[in-house]
Amino acid sequence: MTTYVMLANWTDQGIRNAPDSAIRLDRAKQELSDMGGTFRSIFLTMGEFDLVIIYEAADDAVAARFSLQLGMLGNIRTRTMKAFPEAAYREIIASLA
């Protein structure tokens, strides 16, 4: 499984419906699970982004589909980064020498 870090901001619609956000989160978790992925962590944050979500998916195509499906609902806008674990980081750095 590949790890992804999603940075999200509520849209005007999303913030208007903030009281329903926990229900939307549960639906998103189920949607990702149906795609074979899992949420690892979610944080409500203060600053440039409203939410930070760390999740795993089988590949980039699943991650892209998940991001697009969330965006289509109109409650958040996302930026997603692929994350490399420490072992992969060390392997990549070692290959530079």
C-alpha atoms as a PDB file:
ATOM      1  CA  MET A   1       0.000   0.000   0.000  1.00  0.00           C
ATOM      2  CA  THR A   2       1.109   3.515  -0.747  1.00  0.00           C
ATOM      3  CA  THR A   3       0.731   6.334   1.785  1.00  0.00           C
ATOM      4  CA  TYR A   4      -0.781   9.679   0.819  1.00  0.00           C
ATOM      5  CA  VAL A   5      -1.078  12.951   2.713  1.00  0.00           C
ATOM      6  CA  MET A   6      -4.152  14.979   1.813  1.00  0.00           C
ATOM      7  CA  LEU A   7      -4.401  18.644   2.723  1.00  0.00           C
ATOM      8  CA  ALA A   8      -7.979  19.889   2.604  1.00  0.00           C
ATOM      9  CA  ASN A   9      -9.892  23.118   2.903  1.00  0.00           C
ATOM     10  CA  TRP A  10     -13.611  23.416   3.350  1.00  0.00           C
ATOM     11  CA  THR A  11     -15.487  25.116   0.547  1.00  0.00           C
ATOM     12  CA  ASP A  12     -18.230  27.629   1.357  1.00  0.00           C
ATOM     13  CA  GLN A  13     -20.701  24.747   1.160  1.00  0.00           C
ATOM     14  CA  GLY A  14     -18.532  22.583   3.423  1.00  0.00           C
ATOM     15  CA  ILE A  15     -18.145  25.191   6.144  1.00  0.00           C
ATOM     16  CA  ARG A  16     -21.868  26.047   6.041  1.00  0.00           C
ATOM     17  CA  ASN A  17     -22.523  22.376   6.718  1.00  0.00           C
ATOM     18  CA  ALA A  18     -19.701  21.912   9.248  1.00  0.00           C
ATOM     19  CA  PRO A  19     -22.030  20.271  11.805  1.00  0.00           C
ATOM     20  CA  ASP A  20     -22.449  17.401   9.307  1.00  0.00           C
ATOM     21  CA  SER A  21     -18.709  17.018   8.689  1.00  0.00           C
ATOM     22  CA  ALA A  22     -18.303  13.976  10.975  1.00  0.00           C
ATOM     23  CA  ILE A  23     -20.980  12.164   8.965  1.00  0.00           C
ATOM     24  CA  ARG A  24     -19.193  13.127   5.742  1.00  0.00           C
ATOM     25  CA  LEU A  25     -15.924  11.839   7.203  1.00  0.00           C
ATOM     26  CA  ASP A  26     -17.512   8.478   7.971  1.00  0.00           C
ATOM     27  CA  ARG A  27     -18.797   8.285   4.386  1.00  0.00           C
ATOM     28  CA  ALA A  28     -15.352   9.162   3.016  1.00  0.00           C
ATOM     29  CA  LYS A  29     -13.769   6.449   5.167  1.00  0.00           C
ATOM     30  CA  GLN A  30     -16.279   3.937   3.824  1.00  0.00           C
ATOM     31  CA  GLU A  31     -15.719   5.115   0.234  1.00  0.00           C
ATOM     32  CA  LEU A  32     -11.974   4.646   0.558  1.00  0.00           C
ATOM     33  CA  SER A  33     -12.462   1.279   2.239  1.00  0.00           C
ATOM     34  CA  ASP A  34     -14.666   0.197  -0.665  1.00  0.00           C
ATOM     35  CA  MET A  35     -11.711   1.048  -2.941  1.00  0.00           C
ATOM     36  CA  GLY A  36      -9.400  -1.101  -0.822  1.00  0.00           C
ATOM     37  CA  GLY A  37      -7.767   1.790   1.069  1.00  0.00           C
ATOM     38  CA  THR A  38      -7.709   2.882   4.700  1.00  0.00           C
ATOM     39  CA  PHE A  39      -7.548   6.111   6.666  1.00  0.00           C
ATOM     40  CA  ARG A  40      -4.563   6.187   9.024  1.00  0.00           C
ATOM     41  CA  SER A  41      -5.049   9.598  10.662  1.00  0.00           C
ATOM     42  CA  ILE A  42      -7.130  12.718  10.327  1.00  0.00           C
ATOM     43  CA  PHE A  43      -6.440  16.039  11.975  1.00  0.00           C
ATOM     44  CA  LEU A  44      -8.517  19.196  12.225  1.00  0.00           C
ATOM     45  CA  THR A  45      -5.875  21.886  11.820  1.00  0.00           C
ATOM     46  CA  MET A  46      -5.523  25.629  12.228  1.00  0.00           C
ATOM     47  CA  GLY A  47      -3.657  27.616   9.628  1.00  0.00           C
ATOM     48  CA  GLU A  48      -3.507  27.295   5.865  1.00  0.00           C
ATOM     49  CA  PHE A  49      -5.437  24.006   5.770  1.00  0.00           C
ATOM     50  CA  ASP A  50      -8.545  22.891   7.637  1.00  0.00           C
ATOM     51  CA  LEU A  51      -7.834  19.154   7.597  1.00  0.00           C
ATOM     52  CA  VAL A  52      -4.824  16.878   7.203  1.00  0.00           C
ATOM     53  CA  ILE A  53      -5.644  13.306   6.266  1.00  0.00           C
ATOM     54  CA  ILE A  54      -3.158  10.463   6.038  1.00  0.00           C
ATOM     55  CA  TYR A  55      -4.404   7.426   4.167  1.00  0.00           C
ATOM     56  CA  GLU A  56      -3.244   4.374   2.260  1.00  0.00           C
ATOM     57  CA  ALA A  57      -4.368   3.212  -1.158  1.00  0.00           C
ATOM     58  CA  ALA A  58      -3.254   0.463  -3.506  1.00  0.00           C
ATOM     59  CA  ASP A  59      -1.893   2.875  -6.109  1.00  0.00           C
ATOM     60  CA  ASP A  60      -1.983   6.393  -7.544  1.00  0.00           C
ATOM     61  CA  ALA A  61      -5.089   5.659  -9.628  1.00  0.00           C
ATOM     62  CA  VAL A  62      -7.101   4.760  -6.513  1.00  0.00           C
ATOM     63  CA  ALA A  63      -5.808   7.873  -4.717  1.00  0.00           C
ATOM     64  CA  ALA A  64      -6.751  10.060  -7.694  1.00  0.00           C
ATOM     65  CA  ARG A  65     -10.235   8.546  -7.925  1.00  0.00           C
ATOM     66  CA  PHE A  66     -10.745   9.039  -4.187  1.00  0.00           C
ATOM     67  CA  SER A  67      -9.666  12.699  -4.378  1.00  0.00           C
ATOM     68  CA  LEU A  68     -11.882  13.342  -7.383  1.00  0.00           C
ATOM     69  CA  GLN A  69     -14.901  11.733  -5.761  1.00  0.00           C
ATOM     70  CA  LEU A  70     -14.429  13.837  -2.630  1.00  0.00           C
ATOM     71  CA  GLY A  71     -14.092  16.980  -4.726  1.00  0.00           C
ATOM     72  CA  MET A  72     -17.247  16.190  -6.697  1.00  0.00           C
ATOM     73  CA  LEU A  73     -19.265  16.370  -3.465  1.00  0.00           C
ATOM     74  CA  GLY A  74     -18.401  20.074  -3.186  1.00  0.00           C
ATOM     75  CA  ASN A  75     -17.493  20.215   0.510  1.00  0.00           C
ATOM     76  CA  ILE A  76     -13.692  20.291   0.328  1.00  0.00           C
ATOM     77  CA  ARG A  77     -10.856  21.123  -2.024  1.00  0.00           C
ATOM     78  CA  THR A  78      -7.811  18.924  -1.677  1.00  0.00           C
ATOM     79  CA  ARG A  79      -4.117  18.705  -2.387  1.00  0.00           C
ATOM     80  CA  THR A  80      -2.643  15.243  -2.195  1.00  0.00           C
ATOM     81  CA  MET A  81       0.988  14.237  -1.813  1.00  0.00           C
ATOM     82  CA  LYS A  82       2.460  10.788  -2.200  1.00  0.00           C
ATOM     83  CA  ALA A  83       4.502   9.931   0.887  1.00  0.00           C
ATOM     84  CA  PHE A  84       7.566   7.678   0.963  1.00  0.00           C
ATOM     85  CA  PRO A  85       8.280   5.792   4.208  1.00  0.00           C
ATOM     86  CA  GLU A  86      11.685   5.984   5.844  1.00  0.00           C
ATOM     87  CA  ALA A  87      12.971   2.781   4.235  1.00  0.00           C
ATOM     88  CA  ALA A  88      12.127   4.091   0.759  1.00  0.00           C
ATOM     89  CA  TYR A  89      13.636   7.462   1.640  1.00  0.00           C
ATOM     90  CA  ARG A  90      16.902   5.790   2.659  1.00  0.00           C
ATOM     91  CA  GLU A  91      16.943   3.695  -0.516  1.00  0.00           C
ATOM     92  CA  ILE A  92      16.352   6.741  -2.701  1.00  0.00           C
ATOM     93  CA  ILE A  93      19.055   8.751  -0.928  1.00  0.00           C
ATOM     94  CA  ALA A  94      21.515   5.843  -1.086  1.00  0.00           C
ATOM     95  CA  SER A  95      21.008   5.620  -4.842  1.00  0.00           C
ATOM     96  CA  LEU A  96      22.328   9.183  -5.221  1.00  0.00           C
ATOM     97  CA  ALA A  97      25.876   8.256  -4.276  1.00  0.00           C
END
